[in-house]
Amino acid sequence: MQPLIALLAVLLIVVVIVLLTRPFVALVTVRDYQRGLRYRRGRFSGLVDPGTHLVLRPFSEIFVLDSRPAYMTLEGQEILTADVVPIKISLAARYVIGDPVAAVTGDQSYGQAFRLELQLGLREALAGRTADQLLAERATIGPAVFERTASRLARLGIELLSVEARDLMVSGELKRAFAGVIAARKEGEAALERARGETAALRNLANAGRMVEDNPGLLQLRMLQQLGVSPGSSVVLTMPDGTGGTTDGGPPPTQPHTPATRTTRGRGSAE
């Protein structure tokens, strides 16, 4: 029993020591995708390598920052365009903590500073643009914001990777106005296409008229071709020689002959 009592006493002493030293001793684990900043007596002493480190409070402490790329979203920023149209724009910025020392010591909160710089860069990038320009050049908004904010964020230890415009939101009245403009534009394009089709049809008819005028036999061939595809018709053609005589060289008729074409429905033969 004495060994058991002694073991329990040792365990009790260890527990008491741990409880008493817990507020003053801590183990901090820095992973390989993190950066740790060690401070001794309130002064920065350097970065720590990945691993588990013993910290004696309050004489030293370690701040851990995640160095993996992340996204910052900027929702619903209302911008007044050059033509006094309110438009809400949302941004998505991808970044990484490039300098953890500057991120911690350069500003009280690098996250709030990052958001504010994006807001200011967005307003600078869109200054002087109209609503039509914003909608037509949506793809250029992100690069314009990136160009104006990357250097300022670098001083805060933030490496800006990309900026993209997520959403452009306009009021209901403006949506209806844009829809009306698009509808009118499409109607104009349809009318132009109809006019082009009618012009082409008239041009073809004019060409056909000139061909018939130059070659009268084409009209007769066309009529015979139409008879071939439309059975059940009888067509009588009178084809004079142009001098009042017949086409076989006989004596001229006593009465002038007038060219005529008569079509009747019935027997399905041509005379």
C-alpha atoms as a PDB file:
ATOM      1  CA  MET A   1       0.000   0.000   0.000  1.00  0.00           C
ATOM      2  CA  GLN A   2       2.850   2.373   0.727  1.00  0.00           C
ATOM      3  CA  PRO A   3       4.149   2.376  -2.901  1.00  0.00           C
ATOM      4  CA  LEU A   4       0.609   3.072  -4.139  1.00  0.00           C
ATOM      5  CA  ILE A   5       0.169   5.917  -1.677  1.00  0.00           C
ATOM      6  CA  ALA A   6       3.539   7.342  -2.713  1.00  0.00           C
ATOM      7  CA  LEU A   7       2.563   7.193  -6.416  1.00  0.00           C
ATOM      8  CA  LEU A   8      -0.708   8.955  -5.750  1.00  0.00           C
ATOM      9  CA  ALA A   9       1.107  11.623  -3.788  1.00  0.00           C
ATOM     10  CA  VAL A  10       3.537  12.214  -6.668  1.00  0.00           C
ATOM     11  CA  LEU A  11       0.687  12.499  -9.165  1.00  0.00           C
ATOM     12  CA  LEU A  12      -1.099  14.947  -6.896  1.00  0.00           C
ATOM     13  CA  ILE A  13       2.012  17.077  -6.611  1.00  0.00           C
ATOM     14  CA  VAL A  14       2.445  17.093 -10.409  1.00  0.00           C
ATOM     15  CA  VAL A  15      -1.152  18.153 -10.938  1.00  0.00           C
ATOM     16  CA  VAL A  16      -0.805  20.964  -8.428  1.00  0.00           C
ATOM     17  CA  ILE A  17       2.393  22.172 -10.077  1.00  0.00           C
ATOM     18  CA  VAL A  18       0.754  22.118 -13.522  1.00  0.00           C
ATOM     19  CA  LEU A  19      -2.240  24.061 -12.269  1.00  0.00           C
ATOM     20  CA  LEU A  20      -0.035  26.622 -10.584  1.00  0.00           C
ATOM     21  CA  THR A  21       2.265  27.106 -13.586  1.00  0.00           C
ATOM     22  CA  ARG A  22      -0.391  26.976 -16.298  1.00  0.00           C
ATOM     23  CA  PRO A  23      -1.004  30.749 -16.353  1.00  0.00           C
ATOM     24  CA  PHE A  24       2.741  31.313 -16.825  1.00  0.00           C
ATOM     25  CA  VAL A  25       3.761  28.503 -19.191  1.00  0.00           C
ATOM     26  CA  ALA A  26       2.238  27.756 -22.608  1.00  0.00           C
ATOM     27  CA  LEU A  27       3.085  25.627 -25.605  1.00  0.00           C
ATOM     28  CA  VAL A  28       2.563  27.308 -29.006  1.00  0.00           C
ATOM     29  CA  THR A  29       2.612  25.247 -32.190  1.00  0.00           C
ATOM     30  CA  VAL A  30       3.549  26.982 -35.451  1.00  0.00           C
ATOM     31  CA  ARG A  31       2.618  24.989 -38.554  1.00  0.00           C
ATOM     32  CA  ASP A  32       4.540  25.071 -41.795  1.00  0.00           C
ATOM     33  CA  TYR A  33       1.931  27.324 -43.485  1.00  0.00           C
ATOM     34  CA  GLN A  34       2.039  29.825 -40.605  1.00  0.00           C
ATOM     35  CA  ARG A  35       4.455  32.483 -39.436  1.00  0.00           C
ATOM     36  CA  GLY A  36       5.236  33.068 -35.781  1.00  0.00           C
ATOM     37  CA  LEU A  37       6.455  36.354 -34.309  1.00  0.00           C
ATOM     38  CA  ARG A  38       8.192  36.136 -30.950  1.00  0.00           C
ATOM     39  CA  TYR A  39       8.109  39.031 -28.508  1.00  0.00           C
ATOM     40  CA  ARG A  40      10.227  39.159 -25.349  1.00  0.00           C
ATOM     41  CA  ARG A  41       9.256  41.698 -22.728  1.00  0.00           C
ATOM     42  CA  GLY A  42       7.142  43.525 -25.322  1.00  0.00           C
ATOM     43  CA  ARG A  43       9.875  43.784 -27.935  1.00  0.00           C
ATOM     44  CA  PHE A  44       9.967  41.945 -31.238  1.00  0.00           C
ATOM     45  CA  SER A  45      12.810  39.428 -31.199  1.00  0.00           C
ATOM     46  CA  GLY A  46      12.310  37.666 -34.536  1.00  0.00           C
ATOM     47  CA  LEU A  47      10.379  35.018 -36.430  1.00  0.00           C
ATOM     48  CA  VAL A  48      10.176  31.463 -35.122  1.00  0.00           C
ATOM     49  CA  ASP A  49      10.438  28.302 -37.202  1.00  0.00           C
ATOM     50  CA  PRO A  50       7.541  25.844 -37.589  1.00  0.00           C
ATOM     51  CA  GLY A  51       7.235  23.546 -34.584  1.00  0.00           C
ATOM     52  CA  THR A  52       6.219  23.590 -30.891  1.00  0.00           C
ATOM     53  CA  HIS A  53       7.665  26.369 -28.758  1.00  0.00           C
ATOM     54  CA  LEU A  54       7.629  26.984 -24.989  1.00  0.00           C
ATOM     55  CA  VAL A  55       6.417  30.394 -23.940  1.00  0.00           C
ATOM     56  CA  LEU A  56       7.006  31.817 -20.450  1.00  0.00           C
ATOM     57  CA  ARG A  57       4.386  34.397 -19.705  1.00  0.00           C
ATOM     58  CA  PRO A  58       4.442  37.346 -19.333  1.00  0.00           C
ATOM     59  CA  PHE A  59       8.096  37.535 -20.336  1.00  0.00           C
ATOM     60  CA  SER A  60       7.542  36.238 -23.894  1.00  0.00           C
ATOM     61  CA  GLU A  61       4.726  35.569 -26.318  1.00  0.00           C
ATOM     62  CA  ILE A  62       4.280  34.357 -29.904  1.00  0.00           C
ATOM     63  CA  PHE A  63       1.813  35.748 -32.444  1.00  0.00           C
ATOM     64  CA  VAL A  64       0.833  33.317 -35.201  1.00  0.00           C
ATOM     65  CA  LEU A  65      -0.295  34.492 -38.642  1.00  0.00           C
ATOM     66  CA  ASP A  66      -1.675  32.350 -41.461  1.00  0.00           C
ATOM     67  CA  SER A  67       0.438  32.827 -44.590  1.00  0.00           C
ATOM     68  CA  ARG A  68      -1.825  30.954 -46.999  1.00  0.00           C
ATOM     69  CA  PRO A  69      -3.578  32.890 -49.821  1.00  0.00           C
ATOM     70  CA  ALA A  70      -7.066  34.061 -48.881  1.00  0.00           C
ATOM     71  CA  TYR A  71      -9.955  36.133 -50.225  1.00  0.00           C
ATOM     72  CA  MET A  72     -11.285  39.441 -49.009  1.00  0.00           C
ATOM     73  CA  THR A  73     -14.828  40.245 -50.199  1.00  0.00           C
ATOM     74  CA  LEU A  74     -16.103  43.786 -50.404  1.00  0.00           C
ATOM     75  CA  GLU A  75     -19.900  43.736 -50.593  1.00  0.00           C
ATOM     76  CA  GLY A  76     -22.331  46.322 -51.961  1.00  0.00           C
ATOM     77  CA  GLN A  77     -20.192  49.441 -52.405  1.00  0.00           C
ATOM     78  CA  GLU A  78     -22.481  52.147 -53.800  1.00  0.00           C
ATOM     79  CA  ILE A  79     -20.708  54.335 -56.347  1.00  0.00           C
ATOM     80  CA  LEU A  80     -22.144  57.462 -57.973  1.00  0.00           C
ATOM     81  CA  THR A  81     -21.123  57.509 -61.636  1.00  0.00           C
ATOM     82  CA  ALA A  82     -20.217  60.558 -63.702  1.00  0.00           C
ATOM     83  CA  ASP A  83     -23.789  60.744 -65.038  1.00  0.00           C
ATOM     84  CA  VAL A  84     -25.181  60.643 -61.472  1.00  0.00           C
ATOM     85  CA  VAL A  85     -26.384  57.031 -61.530  1.00  0.00           C
ATOM     86  CA  PRO A  86     -25.959  55.003 -58.288  1.00  0.00           C
ATOM     87  CA  ILE A  87     -24.461  51.556 -58.895  1.00  0.00           C
ATOM     88  CA  LYS A  88     -23.526  48.971 -56.275  1.00  0.00           C
ATOM     89  CA  ILE A  89     -20.348  46.997 -56.916  1.00  0.00           C
ATOM     90  CA  SER A  90     -18.961  43.973 -55.067  1.00  0.00           C
ATOM     91  CA  LEU A  91     -15.265  43.043 -55.198  1.00  0.00           C
ATOM     92  CA  ALA A  92     -13.339  39.855 -54.483  1.00  0.00           C
ATOM     93  CA  ALA A  93      -9.626  40.356 -53.737  1.00  0.00           C
ATOM     94  CA  ARG A  94      -7.145  37.514 -53.366  1.00  0.00           C
ATOM     95  CA  TYR A  95      -4.125  38.241 -51.175  1.00  0.00           C
ATOM     96  CA  VAL A  96      -1.403  36.705 -49.037  1.00  0.00           C
ATOM     97  CA  ILE A  97       0.527  37.978 -46.014  1.00  0.00           C
ATOM     98  CA  GLY A  98       3.906  38.569 -47.609  1.00  0.00           C
ATOM     99  CA  ASP A  99       5.554  40.372 -44.664  1.00  0.00           C
ATOM    100  CA  PRO A 100       4.103  39.279 -41.305  1.00  0.00           C
ATOM    101  CA  VAL A 101       6.219  41.789 -39.374  1.00  0.00           C
ATOM    102  CA  ALA A 102       4.840  44.726 -41.383  1.00  0.00           C
ATOM    103  CA  ALA A 103       1.295  43.322 -41.132  1.00  0.00           C
ATOM    104  CA  VAL A 104       1.469  43.231 -37.308  1.00  0.00           C
ATOM    105  CA  THR A 105       3.508  46.352 -36.645  1.00  0.00           C
ATOM    106  CA  GLY A 106       2.483  48.557 -39.608  1.00  0.00           C
ATOM    107  CA  ASP A 107      -1.174  49.005 -38.616  1.00  0.00           C
ATOM    108  CA  GLN A 108      -3.402  48.329 -35.644  1.00  0.00           C
ATOM    109  CA  SER A 109      -5.555  45.985 -37.764  1.00  0.00           C
ATOM    110  CA  TYR A 110      -4.262  45.020 -41.191  1.00  0.00           C
ATOM    111  CA  GLY A 111      -7.670  43.517 -42.060  1.00  0.00           C
ATOM    112  CA  GLN A 112      -9.528  46.815 -41.574  1.00  0.00           C
ATOM    113  CA  ALA A 113      -6.770  48.710 -43.377  1.00  0.00           C
ATOM    114  CA  PHE A 114      -6.997  46.250 -46.266  1.00  0.00           C
ATOM    115  CA  ARG A 115     -10.747  46.762 -46.592  1.00  0.00           C
ATOM    116  CA  LEU A 116     -10.442  50.553 -46.460  1.00  0.00           C
ATOM    117  CA  GLU A 117      -7.721  50.591 -49.135  1.00  0.00           C
ATOM    118  CA  LEU A 118      -9.942  48.522 -51.435  1.00  0.00           C
ATOM    119  CA  GLN A 119     -12.838  50.940 -50.939  1.00  0.00           C
ATOM    120  CA  LEU A 120     -10.667  53.952 -51.724  1.00  0.00           C
ATOM    121  CA  GLY A 121      -9.075  52.234 -54.727  1.00  0.00           C
ATOM    122  CA  LEU A 122     -12.509  51.337 -56.104  1.00  0.00           C
ATOM    123  CA  ARG A 123     -13.704  54.937 -55.928  1.00  0.00           C
ATOM    124  CA  GLU A 124     -10.518  56.187 -57.559  1.00  0.00           C
ATOM    125  CA  ALA A 125     -10.758  53.627 -60.361  1.00  0.00           C
ATOM    126  CA  LEU A 126     -14.372  54.494 -61.209  1.00  0.00           C
ATOM    127  CA  ALA A 127     -14.084  58.274 -60.955  1.00  0.00           C
ATOM    128  CA  GLY A 128     -15.253  59.943 -64.167  1.00  0.00           C
ATOM    129  CA  ARG A 129     -16.907  56.864 -65.672  1.00  0.00           C
ATOM    130  CA  THR A 130     -20.531  56.764 -66.746  1.00  0.00           C
ATOM    131  CA  ALA A 131     -22.972  53.939 -66.077  1.00  0.00           C
ATOM    132  CA  ASP A 132     -22.774  52.754 -69.689  1.00  0.00           C
ATOM    133  CA  GLN A 133     -18.980  52.622 -69.482  1.00  0.00           C
ATOM    134  CA  LEU A 134     -19.076  50.632 -66.260  1.00  0.00           C
ATOM    135  CA  LEU A 135     -21.456  48.062 -67.696  1.00  0.00           C
ATOM    136  CA  ALA A 136     -19.533  47.806 -70.961  1.00  0.00           C
ATOM    137  CA  GLU A 137     -16.081  47.724 -69.312  1.00  0.00           C
ATOM    138  CA  ARG A 138     -16.869  45.546 -66.326  1.00  0.00           C
ATOM    139  CA  ALA A 139     -13.791  43.376 -66.878  1.00  0.00           C
ATOM    140  CA  THR A 140     -11.475  46.378 -66.422  1.00  0.00           C
ATOM    141  CA  ILE A 141     -12.753  47.335 -62.953  1.00  0.00           C
ATOM    142  CA  GLY A 142     -10.748  44.706 -61.059  1.00  0.00           C
ATOM    143  CA  PRO A 143      -7.391  45.445 -62.768  1.00  0.00           C
ATOM    144  CA  ALA A 144      -7.932  49.186 -62.257  1.00  0.00           C
ATOM    145  CA  VAL A 145      -8.475  48.692 -58.506  1.00  0.00           C
ATOM    146  CA  PHE A 146      -5.465  46.358 -58.350  1.00  0.00           C
ATOM    147  CA  GLU A 147      -3.234  48.963 -59.989  1.00  0.00           C
ATOM    148  CA  ARG A 148      -4.198  51.645 -57.460  1.00  0.00           C
ATOM    149  CA  THR A 149      -4.028  49.581 -54.263  1.00  0.00           C
ATOM    150  CA  ALA A 150      -1.237  47.010 -54.721  1.00  0.00           C
ATOM    151  CA  SER A 151       1.621  49.338 -53.818  1.00  0.00           C
ATOM    152  CA  ARG A 152      -0.160  50.808 -50.775  1.00  0.00           C
ATOM    153  CA  LEU A 153      -1.028  47.350 -49.440  1.00  0.00           C
ATOM    154  CA  ALA A 154       2.565  46.202 -49.896  1.00  0.00           C
ATOM    155  CA  ARG A 155       3.597  48.741 -47.243  1.00  0.00           C
ATOM    156  CA  LEU A 156       1.196  46.970 -44.872  1.00  0.00           C
ATOM    157  CA  GLY A 157       2.807  43.600 -45.560  1.00  0.00           C
ATOM    158  CA  ILE A 158      -0.069  42.423 -47.785  1.00  0.00           C
ATOM    159  CA  GLU A 159       0.732  41.064 -51.231  1.00  0.00           C
ATOM    160  CA  LEU A 160      -2.275  41.607 -53.467  1.00  0.00           C
ATOM    161  CA  LEU A 161      -2.661  38.762 -55.996  1.00  0.00           C
ATOM    162  CA  SER A 162      -5.806  39.726 -57.930  1.00  0.00           C
ATOM    163  CA  VAL A 163      -8.976  41.810 -57.785  1.00  0.00           C
ATOM    164  CA  GLU A 164     -12.193  40.943 -59.611  1.00  0.00           C
ATOM    165  CA  ALA A 165     -15.576  42.668 -59.804  1.00  0.00           C
ATOM    166  CA  ARG A 166     -18.209  40.161 -58.640  1.00  0.00           C
ATOM    167  CA  ASP A 167     -21.530  41.966 -59.082  1.00  0.00           C
ATOM    168  CA  LEU A 168     -22.822  45.212 -60.567  1.00  0.00           C
ATOM    169  CA  MET A 169     -26.262  46.052 -59.217  1.00  0.00           C
ATOM    170  CA  VAL A 170     -28.507  48.854 -60.490  1.00  0.00           C
ATOM    171  CA  SER A 171     -31.949  50.046 -59.457  1.00  0.00           C
ATOM    172  CA  GLY A 172     -35.164  48.615 -60.905  1.00  0.00           C
ATOM    173  CA  GLU A 173     -35.916  51.769 -62.909  1.00  0.00           C
ATOM    174  CA  LEU A 174     -32.469  51.692 -64.487  1.00  0.00           C
ATOM    175  CA  LYS A 175     -32.873  48.016 -65.325  1.00  0.00           C
ATOM    176  CA  ARG A 176     -36.122  48.767 -67.144  1.00  0.00           C
ATOM    177  CA  ALA A 177     -34.487  51.652 -68.991  1.00  0.00           C
ATOM    178  CA  PHE A 178     -31.589  49.463 -70.130  1.00  0.00           C
ATOM    179  CA  ALA A 179     -34.043  46.755 -71.185  1.00  0.00           C
ATOM    180  CA  GLY A 180     -35.944  49.319 -73.279  1.00  0.00           C
ATOM    181  CA  VAL A 181     -32.729  50.489 -74.946  1.00  0.00           C
ATOM    182  CA  ILE A 182     -31.743  46.921 -75.796  1.00  0.00           C
ATOM    183  CA  ALA A 183     -35.231  46.142 -77.123  1.00  0.00           C
ATOM    184  CA  ALA A 184     -35.192  49.262 -79.329  1.00  0.00           C
ATOM    185  CA  ARG A 185     -31.722  48.360 -80.604  1.00  0.00           C
ATOM    186  CA  LYS A 186     -32.833  44.823 -81.474  1.00  0.00           C
ATOM    187  CA  GLU A 187     -35.954  46.120 -83.218  1.00  0.00           C
ATOM    188  CA  GLY A 188     -33.792  48.467 -85.288  1.00  0.00           C
ATOM    189  CA  GLU A 189     -31.489  45.613 -86.241  1.00  0.00           C
ATOM    190  CA  ALA A 190     -34.497  43.478 -87.253  1.00  0.00           C
ATOM    191  CA  ALA A 191     -35.911  46.309 -89.380  1.00  0.00           C
ATOM    192  CA  LEU A 192     -32.514  46.770 -91.042  1.00  0.00           C
ATOM    193  CA  GLU A 193     -32.332  43.067 -91.857  1.00  0.00           C
ATOM    194  CA  ARG A 194     -35.852  43.153 -93.317  1.00  0.00           C
ATOM    195  CA  ALA A 195     -34.911  46.154 -95.471  1.00  0.00           C
ATOM    196  CA  ARG A 196     -31.780  44.352 -96.664  1.00  0.00           C
ATOM    197  CA  GLY A 197     -33.858  41.290 -97.566  1.00  0.00           C
ATOM    198  CA  GLU A 198     -36.396  43.362 -99.489  1.00  0.00           C
ATOM    199  CA  THR A 199     -33.613  45.205-101.323  1.00  0.00           C
ATOM    200  CA  ALA A 200     -31.998  41.929-102.278  1.00  0.00           C
ATOM    201  CA  ALA A 201     -35.349  40.569-103.512  1.00  0.00           C
ATOM    202  CA  LEU A 202     -35.973  43.685-105.623  1.00  0.00           C
ATOM    203  CA  ARG A 203     -32.461  43.474-107.025  1.00  0.00           C
ATOM    204  CA  ASN A 204     -33.057  39.848-108.035  1.00  0.00           C
ATOM    205  CA  LEU A 205     -36.360  40.781-109.674  1.00  0.00           C
ATOM    206  CA  ALA A 206     -34.676  43.605-111.594  1.00  0.00           C
ATOM    207  CA  ASN A 207     -31.953  41.241-112.791  1.00  0.00           C
ATOM    208  CA  ALA A 208     -34.578  38.691-113.845  1.00  0.00           C
ATOM    209  CA  GLY A 209     -36.507  41.386-115.752  1.00  0.00           C
ATOM    210  CA  ARG A 210     -33.378  42.418-117.656  1.00  0.00           C
ATOM    211  CA  MET A 211     -32.615  38.794-118.517  1.00  0.00           C
ATOM    212  CA  VAL A 212     -36.174  38.223-119.828  1.00  0.00           C
ATOM    213  CA  GLU A 213     -35.980  41.468-121.815  1.00  0.00           C
ATOM    214  CA  ASP A 214     -32.702  40.396-123.418  1.00  0.00           C
ATOM    215  CA  ASN A 215     -33.798  36.768-123.936  1.00  0.00           C
ATOM    216  CA  PRO A 216     -37.583  36.472-124.457  1.00  0.00           C
ATOM    217  CA  GLY A 217     -37.374  32.707-124.794  1.00  0.00           C
ATOM    218  CA  LEU A 218     -36.442  32.393-121.111  1.00  0.00           C
ATOM    219  CA  LEU A 219     -39.997  33.265-120.081  1.00  0.00           C
ATOM    220  CA  GLN A 220     -41.432  30.515-122.278  1.00  0.00           C
ATOM    221  CA  LEU A 221     -38.920  27.977-120.912  1.00  0.00           C
ATOM    222  CA  ARG A 222     -39.851  28.999-117.414  1.00  0.00           C
ATOM    223  CA  MET A 223     -43.527  28.454-118.167  1.00  0.00           C
ATOM    224  CA  LEU A 224     -42.825  24.975-119.551  1.00  0.00           C
ATOM    225  CA  GLN A 225     -40.723  24.186-116.474  1.00  0.00           C
ATOM    226  CA  GLN A 226     -43.578  25.242-114.244  1.00  0.00           C
ATOM    227  CA  LEU A 227     -45.934  22.967-116.168  1.00  0.00           C
ATOM    228  CA  GLY A 228     -43.635  20.043-115.442  1.00  0.00           C
ATOM    229  CA  VAL A 229     -43.986  20.502-111.714  1.00  0.00           C
ATOM    230  CA  SER A 230     -47.713  21.416-111.818  1.00  0.00           C
ATOM    231  CA  PRO A 231     -49.620  18.630-113.676  1.00  0.00           C
ATOM    232  CA  GLY A 232     -53.283  18.941-114.571  1.00  0.00           C
ATOM    233  CA  SER A 233     -53.014  22.192-116.627  1.00  0.00           C
ATOM    234  CA  SER A 234     -53.534  23.011-120.301  1.00  0.00           C
ATOM    235  CA  VAL A 235     -51.611  25.913-121.839  1.00  0.00           C
ATOM    236  CA  VAL A 236     -52.147  27.295-125.379  1.00  0.00           C
ATOM    237  CA  LEU A 237     -49.230  29.357-126.732  1.00  0.00           C
ATOM    238  CA  THR A 238     -49.423  31.474-129.888  1.00  0.00           C
ATOM    239  CA  MET A 239     -45.918  32.309-131.067  1.00  0.00           C
ATOM    240  CA  PRO A 240     -45.919  34.691-134.093  1.00  0.00           C
ATOM    241  CA  ASP A 241     -42.877  35.387-136.249  1.00  0.00           C
ATOM    242  CA  GLY A 242     -43.192  39.132-135.689  1.00  0.00           C
ATOM    243  CA  THR A 243     -44.241  40.050-139.306  1.00  0.00           C
ATOM    244  CA  GLY A 244     -47.845  38.975-139.270  1.00  0.00           C
ATOM    245  CA  GLY A 245     -47.105  35.590-140.897  1.00  0.00           C
ATOM    246  CA  THR A 246     -46.900  32.110-139.495  1.00  0.00           C
ATOM    247  CA  THR A 247     -43.792  30.417-138.278  1.00  0.00           C
ATOM    248  CA  ASP A 248     -43.898  27.710-141.076  1.00  0.00           C
ATOM    249  CA  GLY A 249     -43.442  30.184-143.997  1.00  0.00           C
ATOM    250  CA  GLY A 250     -47.056  30.006-145.404  1.00  0.00           C
ATOM    251  CA  PRO A 251     -49.129  32.908-146.639  1.00  0.00           C
ATOM    252  CA  PRO A 252     -49.943  35.588-144.155  1.00  0.00           C
ATOM    253  CA  PRO A 253     -53.361  35.490-142.586  1.00  0.00           C
ATOM    254  CA  THR A 254     -56.052  37.839-143.763  1.00  0.00           C
ATOM    255  CA  GLN A 255     -56.496  39.318-140.293  1.00  0.00           C
ATOM    256  CA  PRO A 256     -53.645  40.563-138.123  1.00  0.00           C
ATOM    257  CA  HIS A 257     -52.749  38.057-135.484  1.00  0.00           C
ATOM    258  CA  THR A 258     -52.318  39.227-131.908  1.00  0.00           C
ATOM    259  CA  PRO A 259     -50.006  37.174-129.643  1.00  0.00           C
ATOM    260  CA  ALA A 260     -51.953  35.717-126.792  1.00  0.00           C
ATOM    261  CA  THR A 261     -51.509  33.175-124.077  1.00  0.00           C
ATOM    262  CA  ARG A 262     -54.488  31.432-122.534  1.00  0.00           C
ATOM    263  CA  THR A 263     -54.348  28.985-119.642  1.00  0.00           C
ATOM    264  CA  THR A 264     -57.192  26.695-118.750  1.00  0.00           C
ATOM    265  CA  ARG A 265     -57.569  24.049-116.100  1.00  0.00           C
ATOM    266  CA  GLY A 266     -58.600  20.602-117.278  1.00  0.00           C
ATOM    267  CA  ARG A 267     -57.016  17.948-119.426  1.00  0.00           C
ATOM    268  CA  GLY A 268     -53.340  18.133-118.385  1.00  0.00           C
ATOM    269  CA  SER A 269     -51.932  18.640-121.951  1.00  0.00           C
ATOM    270  CA  ALA A 270     -50.395  21.546-123.836  1.00  0.00           C
ATOM    271  CA  GLU A 271     -51.583  22.649-127.335  1.00  0.00           C
END
